[in-house]
C-alpha atoms as a PDB file:
ATOM      1  CA  MET A   1      36.832 -31.601  -6.157  1.00  0.00           C
ATOM      2  CA  ALA A   2      33.344 -30.703  -4.610  1.00  0.00           C
ATOM      3  CA  ARG A   3      30.204 -31.908  -5.928  1.00  0.00           C
ATOM      4  CA  PRO A   4      27.788 -29.384  -7.951  1.00  0.00           C
ATOM      5  CA  HIS A   5      24.853 -27.844  -6.097  1.00  0.00           C
ATOM      6  CA  THR A   6      22.099 -29.540  -6.670  1.00  0.00           C
ATOM      7  CA  GLN A   7      18.477 -27.485  -7.329  1.00  0.00           C
ATOM      8  CA  GLY A   8      17.391 -25.757  -4.883  1.00  0.00           C
ATOM      9  CA  GLU A   9      20.726 -25.980  -2.564  1.00  0.00           C
ATOM     10  CA  ALA A  10      24.178 -23.491  -2.447  1.00  0.00           C
ATOM     11  CA  ALA A  11      26.480 -23.134  -0.046  1.00  0.00           C
ATOM     12  CA  ASP A  12      25.861 -20.443   2.664  1.00  0.00           C
ATOM     13  CA  SER A  13      29.035 -18.456   2.863  1.00  0.00           C
ATOM     14  CA  ALA A  14      28.857 -17.151   6.462  1.00  0.00           C
ATOM     15  CA  GLY A  15      27.864 -21.068   7.790  1.00  0.00           C
ATOM     16  CA  GLY A  16      28.464 -23.469   5.260  1.00  0.00           C
ATOM     17  CA  GLY A  17      25.341 -25.618   5.581  1.00  0.00           C
ATOM     18  CA  PRO A  18      22.588 -25.991   2.198  1.00  0.00           C
ATOM     19  CA  VAL A  19      20.712 -22.301   1.676  1.00  0.00           C
ATOM     20  CA  GLN A  20      16.834 -23.676   0.866  1.00  0.00           C
ATOM     21  CA  ALA A  21      15.364 -21.679  -2.009  1.00  0.00           C
ATOM     22  CA  PRO A  22      12.307 -19.095  -0.858  1.00  0.00           C
ATOM     23  CA  SER A  23       9.084 -20.328  -0.429  1.00  0.00           C
ATOM     24  CA  PRO A  24       6.477 -18.873  -2.459  1.00  0.00           C
ATOM     25  CA  ARG A  25       5.535 -16.736   0.523  1.00  0.00           C
ATOM     26  CA  GLU A  26       8.339 -15.418   0.557  1.00  0.00           C
ATOM     27  CA  ILE A  27       8.834 -14.438  -3.245  1.00  0.00           C
ATOM     28  CA  ARG A  28       5.277 -13.564  -2.493  1.00  0.00           C
ATOM     29  CA  ARG A  29       6.729 -10.885   0.305  1.00  0.00           C
ATOM     30  CA  ARG A  30       9.925 -10.089  -1.628  1.00  0.00           C
ATOM     31  CA  GLN A  31       7.558  -9.258  -4.279  1.00  0.00           C
ATOM     32  CA  ARG A  32       5.350  -6.667  -2.785  1.00  0.00           C
ATOM     33  CA  ILE A  33       8.336  -4.588  -0.950  1.00  0.00           C
ATOM     34  CA  LYS A  34       9.585  -4.288  -4.097  1.00  0.00           C
ATOM     35  CA  LEU A  35       6.530  -3.135  -4.881  1.00  0.00           C
ATOM     36  CA  SER A  36       6.356  -0.733  -2.150  1.00  0.00           C
ATOM     37  CA  ARG A  37       9.325   0.987  -3.189  1.00  0.00           C
ATOM     38  CA  GLU A  38       8.696   1.547  -6.279  1.00  0.00           C
ATOM     39  CA  GLN A  39       5.537   3.216  -5.756  1.00  0.00           C
ATOM     40  CA  ILE A  40       7.583   5.262  -2.574  1.00  0.00           C
ATOM     41  CA  LEU A  41       9.998   6.635  -5.626  1.00  0.00           C
ATOM     42  CA  ASP A  42       6.538   7.505  -8.360  1.00  0.00           C
ATOM     43  CA  THR A  43       5.575   9.589  -5.637  1.00  0.00           C
ATOM     44  CA  ALA A  44       8.427  11.026  -4.046  1.00  0.00           C
ATOM     45  CA  GLU A  45       9.773  11.755  -7.835  1.00  0.00           C
ATOM     46  CA  GLN A  46       6.923  13.657  -8.286  1.00  0.00           C
ATOM     47  CA  LEU A  47       6.336  15.709  -5.527  1.00  0.00           C
ATOM     48  CA  PHE A  48      10.534  17.064  -5.772  1.00  0.00           C
ATOM     49  CA  SER A  49       9.282  17.846  -9.553  1.00  0.00           C
ATOM     50  CA  GLU A  50       6.312  20.002  -8.463  1.00  0.00           C
ATOM     51  CA  ARG A  51       7.694  21.701  -5.109  1.00  0.00           C
ATOM     52  CA  GLY A  52      11.981  21.461  -5.226  1.00  0.00           C
ATOM     53  CA  TYR A  53      13.639  19.166  -2.260  1.00  0.00           C
ATOM     54  CA  HIS A  54      13.484  21.535  -0.080  1.00  0.00           C
ATOM     55  CA  ALA A  55       9.482  22.226   0.543  1.00  0.00           C
ATOM     56  CA  THR A  56       9.002  18.502  -0.103  1.00  0.00           C
ATOM     57  CA  GLY A  57       8.659  16.489   2.941  1.00  0.00           C
ATOM     58  CA  LEU A  58       9.055  13.116   4.208  1.00  0.00           C
ATOM     59  CA  LYS A  59       5.235  13.560   5.437  1.00  0.00           C
ATOM     60  CA  GLU A  60       3.837  14.835   2.097  1.00  0.00           C
ATOM     61  CA  VAL A  61       4.829  11.475   0.416  1.00  0.00           C
ATOM     62  CA  ALA A  62       4.000   9.408   3.206  1.00  0.00           C
ATOM     63  CA  ASP A  63       0.554  11.165   2.706  1.00  0.00           C
ATOM     64  CA  ARG A  64       0.367  10.617  -1.012  1.00  0.00           C
ATOM     65  CA  CYS A  65       0.925   7.114  -1.509  1.00  0.00           C
ATOM     66  CA  GLU A  66      -0.276   5.936   1.915  1.00  0.00           C
ATOM     67  CA  PHE A  67       2.228   4.787   3.739  1.00  0.00           C
ATOM     68  CA  SER A  68       3.262   5.762   6.924  1.00  0.00           C
ATOM     69  CA  VAL A  69       6.716   8.056   7.142  1.00  0.00           C
ATOM     70  CA  GLY A  70       8.478   4.890   9.779  1.00  0.00           C
ATOM     71  CA  SER A  71       8.011   2.895   6.714  1.00  0.00           C
ATOM     72  CA  ILE A  72       9.513   5.287   4.113  1.00  0.00           C
ATOM     73  CA  TYR A  73      12.365   5.097   6.791  1.00  0.00           C
ATOM     74  CA  GLN A  74      12.197   1.615   6.511  1.00  0.00           C
ATOM     75  CA  PHE A  75      12.937   1.788   2.673  1.00  0.00           C
ATOM     76  CA  PHE A  76      15.276   4.720   2.632  1.00  0.00           C
ATOM     77  CA  GLY A  77      16.743   5.469   5.604  1.00  0.00           C
ATOM     78  CA  SER A  78      16.589   9.370   5.025  1.00  0.00           C
ATOM     79  CA  LYS A  79      14.613  11.908   3.017  1.00  0.00           C
ATOM     80  CA  ASP A  80      18.465  12.902   1.212  1.00  0.00           C
ATOM     81  CA  THR A  81      18.989   8.991   0.476  1.00  0.00           C
ATOM     82  CA  LEU A  82      14.955   8.658  -1.127  1.00  0.00           C
ATOM     83  CA  TYR A  83      16.405  11.746  -3.580  1.00  0.00           C
ATOM     84  CA  GLU A  84      19.633   9.920  -3.970  1.00  0.00           C
ATOM     85  CA  GLU A  85      17.036   7.436  -5.049  1.00  0.00           C
ATOM     86  CA  VAL A  86      15.069   9.574  -6.983  1.00  0.00           C
ATOM     87  CA  LEU A  87      17.816  11.301  -8.992  1.00  0.00           C
ATOM     88  CA  MET A  88      19.654   7.881  -9.774  1.00  0.00           C
ATOM     89  CA  ARG A  89      16.485   5.498 -10.748  1.00  0.00           C
ATOM     90  CA  ARG A  90      15.595   6.349 -14.512  1.00  0.00           C
ATOM     91  CA  GLY A  91      19.470   7.765 -15.409  1.00  0.00           C
ATOM     92  CA  ARG A  92      20.550   3.751 -15.042  1.00  0.00           C
ATOM     93  CA  GLY A  93      19.334   2.727 -18.299  1.00  0.00           C
ATOM     94  CA  MET A  94      19.842   5.558 -19.946  1.00  0.00           C
ATOM     95  CA  ARG A  95      23.998   5.880 -19.293  1.00  0.00           C
ATOM     96  CA  GLU A  96      24.018   1.998 -20.001  1.00  0.00           C
ATOM     97  CA  GLU A  97      22.019   2.392 -23.840  1.00  0.00           C
ATOM     98  CA  MET A  98      24.476   5.578 -23.550  1.00  0.00           C
ATOM     99  CA  ALA A  99      27.398   3.041 -23.545  1.00  0.00           C
ATOM    100  CA  ARG A 100      26.036   0.539 -25.724  1.00  0.00           C
ATOM    101  CA  ILE A 101      26.128   3.536 -27.911  1.00  0.00           C
ATOM    102  CA  ALA A 102      29.287   4.830 -27.664  1.00  0.00           C
ATOM    103  CA  GLY A 103      30.288   1.318 -27.792  1.00  0.00           C
ATOM    104  CA  GLY A 104      28.610   0.425 -31.850  1.00  0.00           C
ATOM    105  CA  GLU A 105      30.244   0.034 -35.031  1.00  0.00           C
ATOM    106  CA  ALA A 106      28.409   3.906 -36.360  1.00  0.00           C
ATOM    107  CA  PRO A 107      30.468   6.684 -37.363  1.00  0.00           C
ATOM    108  CA  ALA A 108      30.972   8.773 -34.828  1.00  0.00           C
ATOM    109  CA  ASP A 109      28.795  11.690 -35.561  1.00  0.00           C
ATOM    110  CA  GLN A 110      25.794   9.558 -36.199  1.00  0.00           C
ATOM    111  CA  GLN A 111      26.538   8.143 -32.609  1.00  0.00           C
ATOM    112  CA  LEU A 112      26.242  11.906 -31.114  1.00  0.00           C
ATOM    113  CA  LEU A 113      22.966  12.328 -32.906  1.00  0.00           C
ATOM    114  CA  ALA A 114      21.663   9.447 -31.474  1.00  0.00           C
ATOM    115  CA  MET A 115      23.043  10.237 -27.485  1.00  0.00           C
ATOM    116  CA  ALA A 116      21.618  12.869 -28.149  1.00  0.00           C
ATOM    117  CA  LYS A 117      17.833  11.715 -29.195  1.00  0.00           C
ATOM    118  CA  LEU A 118      18.515   9.210 -26.730  1.00  0.00           C
ATOM    119  CA  GLN A 119      17.838  11.784 -24.342  1.00  0.00           C
ATOM    120  CA  ILE A 120      14.904  13.536 -25.683  1.00  0.00           C
ATOM    121  CA  GLU A 121      13.578  10.518 -25.707  1.00  0.00           C
ATOM    122  CA  HIS A 122      13.879   9.108 -22.233  1.00  0.00           C
ATOM    123  CA  PHE A 123      13.116  12.617 -20.533  1.00  0.00           C
ATOM    124  CA  ARG A 124       9.829  12.338 -21.943  1.00  0.00           C
ATOM    125  CA  THR A 125       9.251   9.176 -21.169  1.00  0.00           C
ATOM    126  CA  TYR A 126       9.624  10.348 -17.401  1.00  0.00           C
ATOM    127  CA  PRO A 127       8.753  13.856 -17.823  1.00  0.00           C
ATOM    128  CA  ALA A 128       8.776  14.309 -13.708  1.00  0.00           C
ATOM    129  CA  TRP A 129      12.077  13.078 -12.947  1.00  0.00           C
ATOM    130  CA  GLY A 130      12.987  14.773 -17.090  1.00  0.00           C
ATOM    131  CA  ARG A 131      11.631  18.174 -14.792  1.00  0.00           C
ATOM    132  CA  LEU A 132      13.611  17.647 -11.546  1.00  0.00           C
ATOM    133  CA  THR A 133      17.287  16.703 -13.384  1.00  0.00           C
ATOM    134  CA  THR A 134      16.702  19.028 -15.772  1.00  0.00           C
ATOM    135  CA  ARG A 135      16.806  21.610 -12.397  1.00  0.00           C
ATOM    136  CA  VAL A 136      19.477  20.694 -11.082  1.00  0.00           C
ATOM    137  CA  LEU A 137      21.599  20.056 -14.166  1.00  0.00           C
ATOM    138  CA  THR A 138      22.708  23.785 -13.869  1.00  0.00           C
ATOM    139  CA  LEU A 139      22.727  25.593 -17.495  1.00  0.00           C
ATOM    140  CA  GLY A 140      26.113  25.841 -18.692  1.00  0.00           C
ATOM    141  CA  VAL A 141      27.575  25.014 -14.845  1.00  0.00           C
ATOM    142  CA  ARG A 142      28.329  22.035 -13.118  1.00  0.00           C
ATOM    143  CA  PRO A 143      26.496  20.438 -10.825  1.00  0.00           C
ATOM    144  CA  ALA A 144      25.789  22.176  -7.219  1.00  0.00           C
ATOM    145  CA  THR A 145      28.258  20.495  -5.223  1.00  0.00           C
ATOM    146  CA  ASP A 146      25.311  19.883  -2.452  1.00  0.00           C
ATOM    147  CA  LEU A 147      24.081  16.818  -4.839  1.00  0.00           C
ATOM    148  CA  PRO A 148      24.339  13.084  -3.924  1.00  0.00           C
ATOM    149  CA  ALA A 149      28.275  11.761  -4.616  1.00  0.00           C
ATOM    150  CA  ALA A 150      26.587   9.316  -6.881  1.00  0.00           C
ATOM    151  CA  PHE A 151      24.250  11.739  -9.101  1.00  0.00           C
ATOM    152  CA  LEU A 152      28.101  14.183  -9.353  1.00  0.00           C
ATOM    153  CA  SER A 153      29.444  10.859 -10.163  1.00  0.00           C
ATOM    154  CA  ALA A 154      26.767   9.496 -13.078  1.00  0.00           C
ATOM    155  CA  TRP A 155      27.179  13.036 -14.318  1.00  0.00           C
ATOM    156  CA  LYS A 156      30.800  13.640 -15.163  1.00  0.00           C
ATOM    157  CA  GLU A 157      30.966   9.521 -15.732  1.00  0.00           C
ATOM    158  CA  ALA A 158      28.336  10.701 -19.315  1.00  0.00           C
ATOM    159  CA  ILE A 159      30.162  13.841 -19.856  1.00  0.00           C
ATOM    160  CA  ASP A 160      33.331  11.436 -19.926  1.00  0.00           C
ATOM    161  CA  LEU A 161      31.609   8.757 -23.078  1.00  0.00           C
ATOM    162  CA  GLU A 162      30.640  12.060 -25.181  1.00  0.00           C
ATOM    163  CA  ALA A 163      34.207  13.196 -24.611  1.00  0.00           C
ATOM    164  CA  GLY A 164      35.907   9.968 -25.082  1.00  0.00           C
ATOM    165  CA  LEU A 165      32.962   9.583 -28.290  1.00  0.00           C
ATOM    166  CA  ILE A 166      34.098  13.574 -30.191  1.00  0.00           C
ATOM    167  CA  ALA A 167      37.664  12.662 -29.349  1.00  0.00           C
ATOM    168  CA  HIS A 168      37.180   9.991 -31.674  1.00  0.00           C
ATOM    169  CA  GLY A 169      34.813  11.585 -33.975  1.00  0.00           C
ATOM    170  CA  GLN A 170      37.092  14.661 -34.327  1.00  0.00           C
ATOM    171  CA  ARG A 171      40.601  11.899 -35.371  1.00  0.00           C
ATOM    172  CA  ASP A 172      38.191  11.031 -37.934  1.00  0.00           C
ATOM    173  CA  GLY A 173      36.809  14.284 -39.543  1.00  0.00           C
ATOM    174  CA  LEU A 174      33.748  13.700 -38.529  1.00  0.00           C
ATOM    175  CA  LEU A 175      33.512  16.341 -35.390  1.00  0.00           C
ATOM    176  CA  HIS A 176      34.164  19.879 -34.818  1.00  0.00           C
ATOM    177  CA  SER A 177      37.743  20.341 -33.316  1.00  0.00           C
ATOM    178  CA  GLY A 178      38.712  21.789 -29.519  1.00  0.00           C
ATOM    179  CA  ASP A 179      38.446  19.949 -26.567  1.00  0.00           C
ATOM    180  CA  PRO A 180      36.781  17.604 -26.371  1.00  0.00           C
ATOM    181  CA  ARG A 181      36.029  17.431 -22.738  1.00  0.00           C
ATOM    182  CA  ALA A 182      34.987  20.957 -23.150  1.00  0.00           C
ATOM    183  CA  LEU A 183      32.754  20.440 -26.643  1.00  0.00           C
ATOM    184  CA  ALA A 184      31.492  17.337 -24.318  1.00  0.00           C
ATOM    185  CA  ARG A 185      30.224  19.801 -21.686  1.00  0.00           C
ATOM    186  CA  LEU A 186      28.456  21.926 -24.362  1.00  0.00           C
ATOM    187  CA  PHE A 187      26.674  19.065 -25.932  1.00  0.00           C
ATOM    188  CA  SER A 188      25.644  18.338 -22.491  1.00  0.00           C
ATOM    189  CA  SER A 189      24.205  21.761 -21.475  1.00  0.00           C
ATOM    190  CA  LEU A 190      22.213  22.452 -25.085  1.00  0.00           C
ATOM    191  CA  VAL A 191      20.845  18.834 -24.403  1.00  0.00           C
ATOM    192  CA  THR A 192      19.883  20.083 -20.964  1.00  0.00           C
ATOM    193  CA  ALA A 193      18.435  23.357 -22.271  1.00  0.00           C
ATOM    194  CA  PHE A 194      16.087  21.424 -24.961  1.00  0.00           C
ATOM    195  CA  HIS A 195      14.724  19.149 -21.830  1.00  0.00           C
ATOM    196  CA  ALA A 196      13.864  23.249 -20.135  1.00  0.00           C
ATOM    197  CA  MET A 197      11.791  23.821 -23.219  1.00  0.00           C
ATOM    198  CA  ASP A 198      10.611  20.614 -24.572  1.00  0.00           C
ATOM    199  CA  GLU A 199       6.407  21.065 -24.785  1.00  0.00           C
ATOM    200  CA  GLN A 200       6.467  16.757 -23.144  1.00  0.00           C
ATOM    201  CA  VAL A 201       8.901  17.543 -20.690  1.00  0.00           C
ATOM    202  CA  SER A 202       8.916  21.548 -19.459  1.00  0.00           C
ATOM    203  CA  ASP A 203       6.592  23.199 -17.836  1.00  0.00           C
ATOM    204  CA  ASP A 204       7.691  26.320 -19.303  1.00  0.00           C
ATOM    205  CA  PRO A 205       7.982  25.320 -23.068  1.00  0.00           C
ATOM    206  CA  GLU A 206       9.019  26.974 -26.093  1.00  0.00           C
ATOM    207  CA  ASP A 207       7.663  26.585 -29.627  1.00  0.00           C
ATOM    208  CA  PHE A 208      11.350  24.712 -30.903  1.00  0.00           C
ATOM    209  CA  SER A 209      10.471  21.696 -32.079  1.00  0.00           C
ATOM    210  CA  ALA A 210      12.797  17.965 -31.150  1.00  0.00           C
ATOM    211  CA  ASP A 211      13.460  17.870 -35.203  1.00  0.00           C
ATOM    212  CA  GLU A 212      15.037  21.799 -35.088  1.00  0.00           C
ATOM    213  CA  PHE A 213      17.004  21.164 -31.847  1.00  0.00           C
ATOM    214  CA  LEU A 214      18.687  18.066 -33.554  1.00  0.00           C
ATOM    215  CA  THR A 215      19.406  20.018 -36.652  1.00  0.00           C
ATOM    216  CA  LEU A 216      21.148  22.094 -34.314  1.00  0.00           C
ATOM    217  CA  ILE A 217      23.346  19.968 -33.064  1.00  0.00           C
ATOM    218  CA  ALA A 218      24.041  18.826 -36.550  1.00  0.00           C
ATOM    219  CA  GLN A 219      25.148  22.447 -37.331  1.00  0.00           C
ATOM    220  CA  THR A 220      27.549  22.912 -34.246  1.00  0.00           C
ATOM    221  CA  PHE A 221      29.453  19.882 -33.876  1.00  0.00           C
ATOM    222  CA  ILE A 222      29.654  17.967 -37.590  1.00  0.00           C
ATOM    223  CA  VAL A 223      31.472  18.393 -39.785  1.00  0.00           C
ATOM    224  CA  GLY A 224      30.874  19.857 -43.466  1.00  0.00           C
ATOM    225  CA  MET A 225      26.720  19.724 -42.446  1.00  0.00           C
ATOM    226  CA  THR A 226      25.580  21.302 -44.838  1.00  0.00           C
ATOM    227  CA  SER A 227      21.730  21.565 -45.454  1.00  0.00           C
ATOM    228  CA  GLU A 228      21.596  19.830 -48.552  1.00  0.00           C
ATOM    229  CA  ARG A 229      23.353  16.592 -46.440  1.00  0.00           C
ATOM    230  CA  ARG A 230      20.879  17.329 -43.547  1.00  0.00           C
ATOM    231  CA  ARG A 231      18.177  16.845 -45.834  1.00  0.00           C
ATOM    232  CA  ARG A 232      19.803  13.465 -47.445  1.00  0.00           C
ATOM    233  CA  GLY A 233      20.875  12.771 -43.939  1.00  0.00           C
ATOM    234  CA  GLY A 234      17.020  13.049 -42.461  1.00  0.00           C
ATOM    235  CA  THR A 235      18.677  14.147 -38.574  1.00  0.00           C
ATOM    236  CA  GLY A 236      14.845  14.186 -37.200  1.00  0.00           C
ATOM    237  CA  LEU A 237      14.087  12.258 -34.086  1.00  0.00           C
ATOM    238  CA  HIS A 238      12.458  10.285 -36.570  1.00  0.00           C
ATOM    239  CA  GLY A 239      15.397  10.171 -39.353  1.00  0.00           C
ATOM    240  CA  ARG A 240      17.540   7.692 -41.605  1.00  0.00           C
ATOM    241  CA  ARG A 241      20.495   8.966 -39.376  1.00  0.00           C
ATOM    242  CA  ALA A 242      21.423   5.723 -36.821  1.00  0.00           C
ATOM    243  CA  ASP A 243      18.154   4.392 -35.744  1.00  0.00           C
ATOM    244  CA  HIS A 244      19.711   1.201 -35.205  1.00  0.00           C
ATOM    245  CA  VAL A 245      21.306   2.501 -32.922  1.00  0.00           C
ATOM    246  CA  ALA A 246      18.996   5.678 -31.676  1.00  0.00           C
ATOM    247  CA  ALA A 247      15.648   4.114 -32.060  1.00  0.00           C
ATOM    248  CA  ALA A 248      16.356   0.280 -30.573  1.00  0.00           C
ATOM    249  CA  GLN A 249      18.467   0.531 -28.701  1.00  0.00           C
ATOM    250  CA  PRO A 250      16.482   3.914 -26.162  1.00  0.00           C
ATOM    251  CA  ALA A 251      13.443   2.222 -26.830  1.00  0.00           C
ATOM    252  CA  SER A 252      14.290  -0.769 -24.423  1.00  0.00           C
ATOM    253  CA  ALA A 253      15.121   0.463 -21.382  1.00  0.00           C
ATOM    254  CA  ALA A 254      12.583   3.030 -21.179  1.00  0.00           C
ATOM    255  CA  GLN A 255       9.440  -0.112 -22.601  1.00  0.00           C
ATOM    256  CA  ARG A 256      11.455  -1.708 -19.706  1.00  0.00           C
ATOM    257  CA  ASP A 257      10.209   0.163 -16.804  1.00  0.00           C
ATOM    258  CA  ARG A 258       6.860   0.954 -18.598  1.00  0.00           C
ATOM    259  CA  GLN A 259       5.989  -3.297 -18.682  1.00  0.00           C
ATOM    260  CA  SER A 260       7.280  -3.113 -14.681  1.00  0.00           C
ATOM    261  CA  ALA A 261       5.157  -0.025 -14.568  1.00  0.00           C
ATOM    262  CA  ALA A 262       2.100  -1.576 -15.788  1.00  0.00           C
ATOM    263  CA  HIS A 263       2.230  -4.682 -13.301  1.00  0.00           C
ATOM    264  CA  ARG A 264       2.950  -2.054 -10.645  1.00  0.00           C
ATOM    265  CA  PRO A 265      -0.342  -1.554  -8.701  1.00  0.00           C
ATOM    266  CA  ALA A 266      -2.288   1.470  -7.842  1.00  0.00           C
ATOM    267  CA  ARG A 267      -2.029   2.486  -4.146  1.00  0.00           C
ATOM    268  CA  GLY A 268      -3.457   6.107  -2.890  1.00  0.00           C
ATOM    269  CA  ASP A 269      -2.720   9.093  -5.009  1.00  0.00           C
ATOM    270  CA  ARG A 270      -0.105   8.571  -7.101  1.00  0.00           C
END
């Protein structure tokens, strides 16, 4: 049996020799690369949100974040790759939290409300990404096929997760009957429609609060959701229903990103 590698030593899969731990200088170099990459993504996110994909050029991104166009190509290879990463970056943590909610112990009706709350909070935490994502998720239909394949796959994954939750709730008599996938797409479209009018996300808001929207979701999907039950259950954004899921978990992904942003040095016009 081969001896375990000592600290600072690892097997080199290519040559079989030891691999030394990175030097402090190399660690600092990697940190600078990561910070530069995140700065480019932040800037591109804002510009894509303001102008859309076709009206945003890499030179505009480069000028605003004070990098060369060549540097952007070094990080991302193409405008399409940059756009895909902008769309995907904020959604990863949210999908992880959705999976945690679906795998939790709460009843399915509470889980469905918790998923709606999670998405509202997440889009409010990243409003530029929220506006961009809302625009590309056309209401009531599948996203356009010219969107990045990874984004389309993630959208389908979220619909599958919601459909599974709805099917489980139907078996327990908690959620209304109907094709689970069709209802999942309806749920997703309603949430997207709220993002499009949410005063904390949208550039064209309406006078319709998150609590009103969550009550609408409860009325639409939950069996026996009477006015009295809604009052006692607290379906609002900060209500008692599923607080152990919807209040604690959604914040975790957002908090992690905010903590990372807090240590990111400002450079140029963000």
